[in-house]
Amino acid sequence: MSSLFRRLIDARGVAVAPSVLAADFARLEQEIRAVEAAGADCLHLDVMDGNFVPNITFGPLVVEAIARLTKLPLITHLMILNPGKYVEPFVEAGSGAVSFHWEAMPSGHEDVIEKIRRLGCDAGIAVNPDTPLAAVEHLLPAIDLLLVMTVFPGFGGQSFIPGALGKAAEAARARGARGLRFVIEVDGGIKPENARLVREAGAEIVVAGTAIFRSPDYAAAVAAIRA
């Protein structure tokens, strides 16, 4: 399995992925240029449908616009029902990885993962704070990315749930024991004050939204989260 993001981690160590949801969309191009200059490694794009989560954000057209603005790899995080129906336009829009939620469908996760990878994109599975790793353990050999949520999805700026971090550490142990290569991404309420705990738990891609885009110094925030 050759993963764009595994290669990134192997080359750079811990990666910082600003969550574009927290950016000023009236100045989106300037915001993206600013986090690029600040040392961001990739961008995290939260797609919400108003059904799986009680919020609506953006679709493939915005992802495609962002892809034209940056050379940073894009992780598109689908917080939507029926993700298999929509992965193709998000891949075509320029996503480097597409992750979808285990909780968003009762079955067929393997088929969606296979479809994403067949389209030439890294495939990820996301799990909510109250979903045990055991629910997705059978999928770990097939994925490129495991997204561990440390908030319940739907809105930015929520408070970090430290108890969810145990899942990242458990996934890191399982990966080592089974000789797997998936990347561990952690998202939700992360800021410089708790980023060390997140990294020590095994996170290789650390997502931060308001901690970066509401900071007066983006470069300092990225450096503090990466540390």
C-alpha atoms as a PDB file:
ATOM      1  CA  MET A   1       0.000   0.000   0.000  1.00  0.00           C
ATOM      2  CA  SER A   2       1.566   3.296  -1.115  1.00  0.00           C
ATOM      3  CA  SER A   3       0.044   6.207   0.761  1.00  0.00           C
ATOM      4  CA  LEU A   4       0.699   9.855  -0.051  1.00  0.00           C
ATOM      5  CA  PHE A   5       0.311  10.731   3.616  1.00  0.00           C
ATOM      6  CA  ARG A   6       2.479   7.866   4.883  1.00  0.00           C
ATOM      7  CA  ARG A   7       5.251   9.195   2.639  1.00  0.00           C
ATOM      8  CA  LEU A   8       4.656  12.688   4.024  1.00  0.00           C
ATOM      9  CA  ILE A   9       4.930  11.464   7.621  1.00  0.00           C
ATOM     10  CA  ASP A  10       7.989   9.353   6.893  1.00  0.00           C
ATOM     11  CA  ALA A  11       9.667  12.436   5.419  1.00  0.00           C
ATOM     12  CA  ARG A  12       8.478  15.105   7.865  1.00  0.00           C
ATOM     13  CA  GLY A  13       7.532  13.462  11.154  1.00  0.00           C
ATOM     14  CA  VAL A  14       4.325  14.826  12.712  1.00  0.00           C
ATOM     15  CA  ALA A  15       2.257  16.820  10.204  1.00  0.00           C
ATOM     16  CA  VAL A  16      -0.009  19.752  11.009  1.00  0.00           C
ATOM     17  CA  ALA A  17      -3.247  20.032   9.040  1.00  0.00           C
ATOM     18  CA  PRO A  18      -5.140  23.310   9.472  1.00  0.00           C
ATOM     19  CA  SER A  19      -8.888  22.765   9.309  1.00  0.00           C
ATOM     20  CA  VAL A  20     -10.154  25.135   6.626  1.00  0.00           C
ATOM     21  CA  LEU A  21     -13.599  25.211   8.242  1.00  0.00           C
ATOM     22  CA  ALA A  22     -12.161  27.735  10.745  1.00  0.00           C
ATOM     23  CA  ALA A  23     -10.764  30.037   8.052  1.00  0.00           C
ATOM     24  CA  ASP A  24     -12.289  33.338   6.999  1.00  0.00           C
ATOM     25  CA  PHE A  25     -14.097  32.294   3.820  1.00  0.00           C
ATOM     26  CA  ALA A  26     -14.328  35.906   2.671  1.00  0.00           C
ATOM     27  CA  ARG A  27     -10.515  35.772   2.444  1.00  0.00           C
ATOM     28  CA  LEU A  28     -10.070  32.117   1.614  1.00  0.00           C
ATOM     29  CA  GLU A  29      -7.163  32.493  -0.803  1.00  0.00           C
ATOM     30  CA  GLN A  30      -5.247  34.720   1.621  1.00  0.00           C
ATOM     31  CA  GLU A  31      -5.947  32.324   4.491  1.00  0.00           C
ATOM     32  CA  ILE A  32      -4.608  29.354   2.540  1.00  0.00           C
ATOM     33  CA  ARG A  33      -1.506  31.274   1.469  1.00  0.00           C
ATOM     34  CA  ALA A  34      -0.984  32.268   5.105  1.00  0.00           C
ATOM     35  CA  VAL A  35      -1.063  28.725   6.500  1.00  0.00           C
ATOM     36  CA  GLU A  36       1.189  27.559   3.669  1.00  0.00           C
ATOM     37  CA  ALA A  37       3.705  30.229   4.639  1.00  0.00           C
ATOM     38  CA  ALA A  38       3.248  29.261   8.297  1.00  0.00           C
ATOM     39  CA  GLY A  39       4.507  25.734   7.600  1.00  0.00           C
ATOM     40  CA  ALA A  40       1.319  23.684   7.301  1.00  0.00           C
ATOM     41  CA  ASP A  41       1.887  20.219   5.836  1.00  0.00           C
ATOM     42  CA  CYS A  42      -1.597  19.558   4.448  1.00  0.00           C
ATOM     43  CA  LEU A  43      -5.140  20.907   4.694  1.00  0.00           C
ATOM     44  CA  HIS A  44      -8.139  19.261   6.344  1.00  0.00           C
ATOM     45  CA  LEU A  45     -11.522  19.893   4.663  1.00  0.00           C
ATOM     46  CA  ASP A  46     -14.702  19.168   6.659  1.00  0.00           C
ATOM     47  CA  VAL A  47     -17.692  18.293   4.485  1.00  0.00           C
ATOM     48  CA  MET A  48     -21.039  18.214   6.331  1.00  0.00           C
ATOM     49  CA  ASP A  49     -24.454  17.434   4.894  1.00  0.00           C
ATOM     50  CA  GLY A  50     -26.951  18.550   7.556  1.00  0.00           C
ATOM     51  CA  ASN A  51     -28.077  14.934   7.975  1.00  0.00           C
ATOM     52  CA  PHE A  52     -25.248  12.894   9.464  1.00  0.00           C
ATOM     53  CA  VAL A  53     -24.317  16.007  11.455  1.00  0.00           C
ATOM     54  CA  PRO A  54     -26.482  19.072  12.227  1.00  0.00           C
ATOM     55  CA  ASN A  55     -24.507  21.456  10.048  1.00  0.00           C
ATOM     56  CA  ILE A  56     -23.848  22.130   6.355  1.00  0.00           C
ATOM     57  CA  THR A  57     -20.502  23.268   4.987  1.00  0.00           C
ATOM     58  CA  PHE A  58     -19.380  22.851   1.372  1.00  0.00           C
ATOM     59  CA  GLY A  59     -19.137  20.409  -1.508  1.00  0.00           C
ATOM     60  CA  PRO A  60     -16.807  19.405  -4.348  1.00  0.00           C
ATOM     61  CA  LEU A  61     -16.819  22.852  -5.996  1.00  0.00           C
ATOM     62  CA  VAL A  62     -15.158  24.420  -2.964  1.00  0.00           C
ATOM     63  CA  VAL A  63     -12.701  21.520  -2.659  1.00  0.00           C
ATOM     64  CA  GLU A  64     -11.786  22.008  -6.305  1.00  0.00           C
ATOM     65  CA  ALA A  65     -11.288  25.751  -5.760  1.00  0.00           C
ATOM     66  CA  ILE A  66      -9.009  25.063  -2.782  1.00  0.00           C
ATOM     67  CA  ALA A  67      -7.041  22.501  -4.803  1.00  0.00           C
ATOM     68  CA  ARG A  68      -6.368  25.204  -7.403  1.00  0.00           C
ATOM     69  CA  LEU A  69      -5.091  27.559  -4.698  1.00  0.00           C
ATOM     70  CA  THR A  70      -2.540  25.252  -3.093  1.00  0.00           C
ATOM     71  CA  LYS A  71      -0.027  22.489  -3.649  1.00  0.00           C
ATOM     72  CA  LEU A  72      -0.582  21.156  -0.125  1.00  0.00           C
ATOM     73  CA  PRO A  73      -2.238  17.718  -0.012  1.00  0.00           C
ATOM     74  CA  LEU A  74      -5.946  17.809   0.852  1.00  0.00           C
ATOM     75  CA  ILE A  75      -7.651  15.467   3.316  1.00  0.00           C
ATOM     76  CA  THR A  76     -11.393  15.596   2.683  1.00  0.00           C
ATOM     77  CA  HIS A  77     -13.346  14.437   5.732  1.00  0.00           C
ATOM     78  CA  LEU A  78     -16.865  13.379   4.757  1.00  0.00           C
ATOM     79  CA  MET A  79     -19.357  13.799   7.598  1.00  0.00           C
ATOM     80  CA  ILE A  80     -22.225  12.713   5.389  1.00  0.00           C
ATOM     81  CA  LEU A  81     -24.685   9.880   4.897  1.00  0.00           C
ATOM     82  CA  ASN A  82     -24.220   7.556   1.903  1.00  0.00           C
ATOM     83  CA  PRO A  83     -20.546   8.486   1.423  1.00  0.00           C
ATOM     84  CA  GLY A  84     -20.054   5.920  -1.330  1.00  0.00           C
ATOM     85  CA  LYS A  85     -22.433   7.903  -3.521  1.00  0.00           C
ATOM     86  CA  TYR A  86     -20.284  11.038  -3.312  1.00  0.00           C
ATOM     87  CA  VAL A  87     -16.635   9.984  -3.078  1.00  0.00           C
ATOM     88  CA  GLU A  88     -15.970  10.230  -6.825  1.00  0.00           C
ATOM     89  CA  PRO A  89     -16.630  13.990  -7.195  1.00  0.00           C
ATOM     90  CA  PHE A  90     -14.496  14.699  -4.116  1.00  0.00           C
ATOM     91  CA  VAL A  91     -11.626  12.656  -5.509  1.00  0.00           C
ATOM     92  CA  GLU A  92     -11.972  14.362  -8.888  1.00  0.00           C
ATOM     93  CA  ALA A  93     -11.973  17.755  -7.130  1.00  0.00           C
ATOM     94  CA  GLY A  94      -8.391  17.141  -6.014  1.00  0.00           C
ATOM     95  CA  SER A  95      -8.512  15.348  -2.671  1.00  0.00           C
ATOM     96  CA  GLY A  96      -5.354  13.477  -1.706  1.00  0.00           C
ATOM     97  CA  ALA A  97      -7.324  11.441   0.818  1.00  0.00           C
ATOM     98  CA  VAL A  98     -11.023  10.945   1.454  1.00  0.00           C
ATOM     99  CA  SER A  99     -12.167   9.709   4.838  1.00  0.00           C
ATOM    100  CA  PHE A 100     -15.715   8.803   5.804  1.00  0.00           C
ATOM    101  CA  HIS A 101     -17.397   7.850   9.058  1.00  0.00           C
ATOM    102  CA  TRP A 102     -17.872   4.330  10.274  1.00  0.00           C
ATOM    103  CA  GLU A 103     -21.091   5.538  11.904  1.00  0.00           C
ATOM    104  CA  ALA A 104     -22.520   6.936   8.654  1.00  0.00           C
ATOM    105  CA  MET A 105     -23.562   3.568   7.219  1.00  0.00           C
ATOM    106  CA  PRO A 106     -24.673   0.186   8.571  1.00  0.00           C
ATOM    107  CA  SER A 107     -22.528  -1.893   6.212  1.00  0.00           C
ATOM    108  CA  GLY A 108     -20.511  -1.756   2.999  1.00  0.00           C
ATOM    109  CA  HIS A 109     -17.505   0.099   4.415  1.00  0.00           C
ATOM    110  CA  GLU A 110     -15.095  -2.179   2.561  1.00  0.00           C
ATOM    111  CA  ASP A 111     -16.749  -1.302  -0.756  1.00  0.00           C
ATOM    112  CA  VAL A 112     -16.379   2.449  -0.157  1.00  0.00           C
ATOM    113  CA  ILE A 113     -12.713   2.049   0.834  1.00  0.00           C
ATOM    114  CA  GLU A 114     -12.069   0.003  -2.300  1.00  0.00           C
ATOM    115  CA  LYS A 115     -13.851   2.589  -4.450  1.00  0.00           C
ATOM    116  CA  ILE A 116     -11.778   5.467  -3.066  1.00  0.00           C
ATOM    117  CA  ARG A 117      -8.522   3.599  -3.615  1.00  0.00           C
ATOM    118  CA  ARG A 118      -9.576   2.455  -7.085  1.00  0.00           C
ATOM    119  CA  LEU A 119     -10.024   6.132  -7.972  1.00  0.00           C
ATOM    120  CA  GLY A 120      -6.368   6.680  -7.080  1.00  0.00           C
ATOM    121  CA  CYS A 121      -6.928   8.369  -3.733  1.00  0.00           C
ATOM    122  CA  ASP A 122      -5.912   7.473  -0.168  1.00  0.00           C
ATOM    123  CA  ALA A 123      -8.827   6.051   1.808  1.00  0.00           C
ATOM    124  CA  GLY A 124      -9.605   6.783   5.441  1.00  0.00           C
ATOM    125  CA  ILE A 125     -12.120   5.713   8.031  1.00  0.00           C
ATOM    126  CA  ALA A 126     -13.190   8.144  10.779  1.00  0.00           C
ATOM    127  CA  VAL A 127     -14.504   7.167  14.207  1.00  0.00           C
ATOM    128  CA  ASN A 128     -16.445   9.224  16.730  1.00  0.00           C
ATOM    129  CA  PRO A 129     -15.260   9.531  20.338  1.00  0.00           C
ATOM    130  CA  ASP A 130     -17.693   6.855  21.553  1.00  0.00           C
ATOM    131  CA  THR A 131     -16.913   4.297  18.806  1.00  0.00           C
ATOM    132  CA  PRO A 132     -14.423   1.646  19.963  1.00  0.00           C
ATOM    133  CA  LEU A 133     -11.479   0.745  17.777  1.00  0.00           C
ATOM    134  CA  ALA A 134     -12.816  -2.820  17.729  1.00  0.00           C
ATOM    135  CA  ALA A 135     -15.623  -1.628  15.425  1.00  0.00           C
ATOM    136  CA  VAL A 136     -13.144  -0.865  12.622  1.00  0.00           C
ATOM    137  CA  GLU A 137     -10.285  -3.213  13.466  1.00  0.00           C
ATOM    138  CA  HIS A 138     -11.097  -5.498  10.543  1.00  0.00           C
ATOM    139  CA  LEU A 139     -10.726  -2.509   8.171  1.00  0.00           C
ATOM    140  CA  LEU A 140      -7.253  -1.446   9.310  1.00  0.00           C
ATOM    141  CA  PRO A 141      -5.357  -3.479   6.672  1.00  0.00           C
ATOM    142  CA  ALA A 142      -7.376  -1.825   3.898  1.00  0.00           C
ATOM    143  CA  ILE A 143      -7.091   1.844   4.884  1.00  0.00           C
ATOM    144  CA  ASP A 144      -4.415   4.487   4.408  1.00  0.00           C
ATOM    145  CA  LEU A 145      -5.717   6.772   7.153  1.00  0.00           C
ATOM    146  CA  LEU A 146      -7.478   6.354  10.500  1.00  0.00           C
ATOM    147  CA  LEU A 147      -9.143   9.553  11.711  1.00  0.00           C
ATOM    148  CA  VAL A 148      -9.727   9.554  15.469  1.00  0.00           C
ATOM    149  CA  MET A 149     -12.213  12.249  16.500  1.00  0.00           C
ATOM    150  CA  THR A 150     -11.655  13.956  19.834  1.00  0.00           C
ATOM    151  CA  VAL A 151     -14.929  15.867  19.526  1.00  0.00           C
ATOM    152  CA  PHE A 152     -18.280  14.800  18.154  1.00  0.00           C
ATOM    153  CA  PRO A 153     -18.444  15.983  14.537  1.00  0.00           C
ATOM    154  CA  GLY A 154     -20.618  18.836  13.399  1.00  0.00           C
ATOM    155  CA  PHE A 155     -19.120  22.113  14.561  1.00  0.00           C
ATOM    156  CA  GLY A 156     -15.685  23.678  14.919  1.00  0.00           C
ATOM    157  CA  GLY A 157     -14.380  25.157  18.142  1.00  0.00           C
ATOM    158  CA  GLN A 158     -15.578  22.367  20.443  1.00  0.00           C
ATOM    159  CA  SER A 159     -13.835  21.259  23.633  1.00  0.00           C
ATOM    160  CA  PHE A 160     -11.279  18.476  23.405  1.00  0.00           C
ATOM    161  CA  ILE A 161     -12.334  15.048  24.769  1.00  0.00           C
ATOM    162  CA  PRO A 162      -9.120  13.588  26.229  1.00  0.00           C
ATOM    163  CA  GLY A 163     -10.630  10.140  26.817  1.00  0.00           C
ATOM    164  CA  ALA A 164     -10.861   9.591  23.060  1.00  0.00           C
ATOM    165  CA  LEU A 165      -7.066   9.683  22.756  1.00  0.00           C
ATOM    166  CA  GLY A 166      -6.745   6.146  24.063  1.00  0.00           C
ATOM    167  CA  LYS A 167      -8.086   4.983  20.717  1.00  0.00           C
ATOM    168  CA  ALA A 168      -5.144   6.565  18.878  1.00  0.00           C
ATOM    169  CA  ALA A 169      -2.676   4.809  21.191  1.00  0.00           C
ATOM    170  CA  GLU A 170      -4.560   1.526  20.762  1.00  0.00           C
ATOM    171  CA  ALA A 171      -4.478   1.935  16.976  1.00  0.00           C
ATOM    172  CA  ALA A 172      -0.729   2.613  17.048  1.00  0.00           C
ATOM    173  CA  ARG A 173      -0.172  -0.600  19.023  1.00  0.00           C
ATOM    174  CA  ALA A 174      -2.389  -2.606  16.676  1.00  0.00           C
ATOM    175  CA  ARG A 175      -0.588  -1.193  13.643  1.00  0.00           C
ATOM    176  CA  GLY A 176       2.800  -2.194  15.001  1.00  0.00           C
ATOM    177  CA  ALA A 177       1.668  -5.647  16.056  1.00  0.00           C
ATOM    178  CA  ARG A 178       0.146  -6.353  12.633  1.00  0.00           C
ATOM    179  CA  GLY A 179       2.825  -4.677  10.498  1.00  0.00           C
ATOM    180  CA  LEU A 180       0.388  -2.178   8.967  1.00  0.00           C
ATOM    181  CA  ARG A 181       1.131   1.250   7.489  1.00  0.00           C
ATOM    182  CA  PHE A 182      -1.972   3.413   7.932  1.00  0.00           C
ATOM    183  CA  VAL A 183      -1.492   6.965   9.191  1.00  0.00           C
ATOM    184  CA  ILE A 184      -3.188   8.097  12.410  1.00  0.00           C
ATOM    185  CA  GLU A 185      -4.885  11.495  12.237  1.00  0.00           C
ATOM    186  CA  VAL A 186      -6.505  13.156  15.267  1.00  0.00           C
ATOM    187  CA  ASP A 187      -9.052  15.956  14.981  1.00  0.00           C
ATOM    188  CA  GLY A 188     -11.075  17.971  17.454  1.00  0.00           C
ATOM    189  CA  GLY A 189     -10.382  20.691  19.989  1.00  0.00           C
ATOM    190  CA  ILE A 190      -6.615  20.506  19.530  1.00  0.00           C
ATOM    191  CA  LYS A 191      -4.502  23.508  20.499  1.00  0.00           C
ATOM    192  CA  PRO A 192      -0.908  24.076  21.613  1.00  0.00           C
ATOM    193  CA  GLU A 193      -1.810  23.314  25.233  1.00  0.00           C
ATOM    194  CA  ASN A 194      -2.940  19.741  24.521  1.00  0.00           C
ATOM    195  CA  ALA A 195      -1.037  18.958  21.302  1.00  0.00           C
ATOM    196  CA  ARG A 196       1.722  17.145  23.184  1.00  0.00           C
ATOM    197  CA  LEU A 197      -0.794  14.654  24.587  1.00  0.00           C
ATOM    198  CA  VAL A 198      -2.142  14.108  21.080  1.00  0.00           C
ATOM    199  CA  ARG A 199       1.293  13.483  19.588  1.00  0.00           C
ATOM    200  CA  GLU A 200       2.304  11.176  22.449  1.00  0.00           C
ATOM    201  CA  ALA A 201      -0.867   9.143  21.905  1.00  0.00           C
ATOM    202  CA  GLY A 202       0.335   8.334  18.385  1.00  0.00           C
ATOM    203  CA  ALA A 203      -1.115  11.078  16.194  1.00  0.00           C
ATOM    204  CA  GLU A 204       0.925  11.637  13.044  1.00  0.00           C
ATOM    205  CA  ILE A 205      -1.390  14.190  11.465  1.00  0.00           C
ATOM    206  CA  VAL A 206      -2.710  16.747  13.944  1.00  0.00           C
ATOM    207  CA  VAL A 207      -5.732  18.762  12.823  1.00  0.00           C
ATOM    208  CA  ALA A 208      -6.297  22.229  14.272  1.00  0.00           C
ATOM    209  CA  GLY A 209      -8.819  24.836  13.202  1.00  0.00           C
ATOM    210  CA  THR A 210      -9.505  27.721  15.546  1.00  0.00           C
ATOM    211  CA  ALA A 211      -6.125  27.217  17.270  1.00  0.00           C
ATOM    212  CA  ILE A 212      -4.488  28.300  14.006  1.00  0.00           C
ATOM    213  CA  PHE A 213      -6.987  30.508  12.174  1.00  0.00           C
ATOM    214  CA  ARG A 214      -7.928  32.455  15.327  1.00  0.00           C
ATOM    215  CA  SER A 215      -4.295  32.887  16.334  1.00  0.00           C
ATOM    216  CA  PRO A 216      -2.537  36.232  15.778  1.00  0.00           C
ATOM    217  CA  ASP A 217       0.522  34.309  14.569  1.00  0.00           C
ATOM    218  CA  TYR A 218      -0.212  31.300  12.341  1.00  0.00           C
ATOM    219  CA  ALA A 219       3.421  30.210  12.151  1.00  0.00           C
ATOM    220  CA  ALA A 220       3.780  30.202  15.935  1.00  0.00           C
ATOM    221  CA  ALA A 221       0.578  28.190  16.301  1.00  0.00           C
ATOM    222  CA  VAL A 222       1.674  25.592  13.724  1.00  0.00           C
ATOM    223  CA  ALA A 223       5.118  25.302  15.332  1.00  0.00           C
ATOM    224  CA  ALA A 224       3.605  24.926  18.831  1.00  0.00           C
ATOM    225  CA  ILE A 225       1.238  22.174  17.656  1.00  0.00           C
ATOM    226  CA  ARG A 226       4.039  20.314  15.864  1.00  0.00           C
ATOM    227  CA  ALA A 227       6.668  20.966  18.577  1.00  0.00           C
END
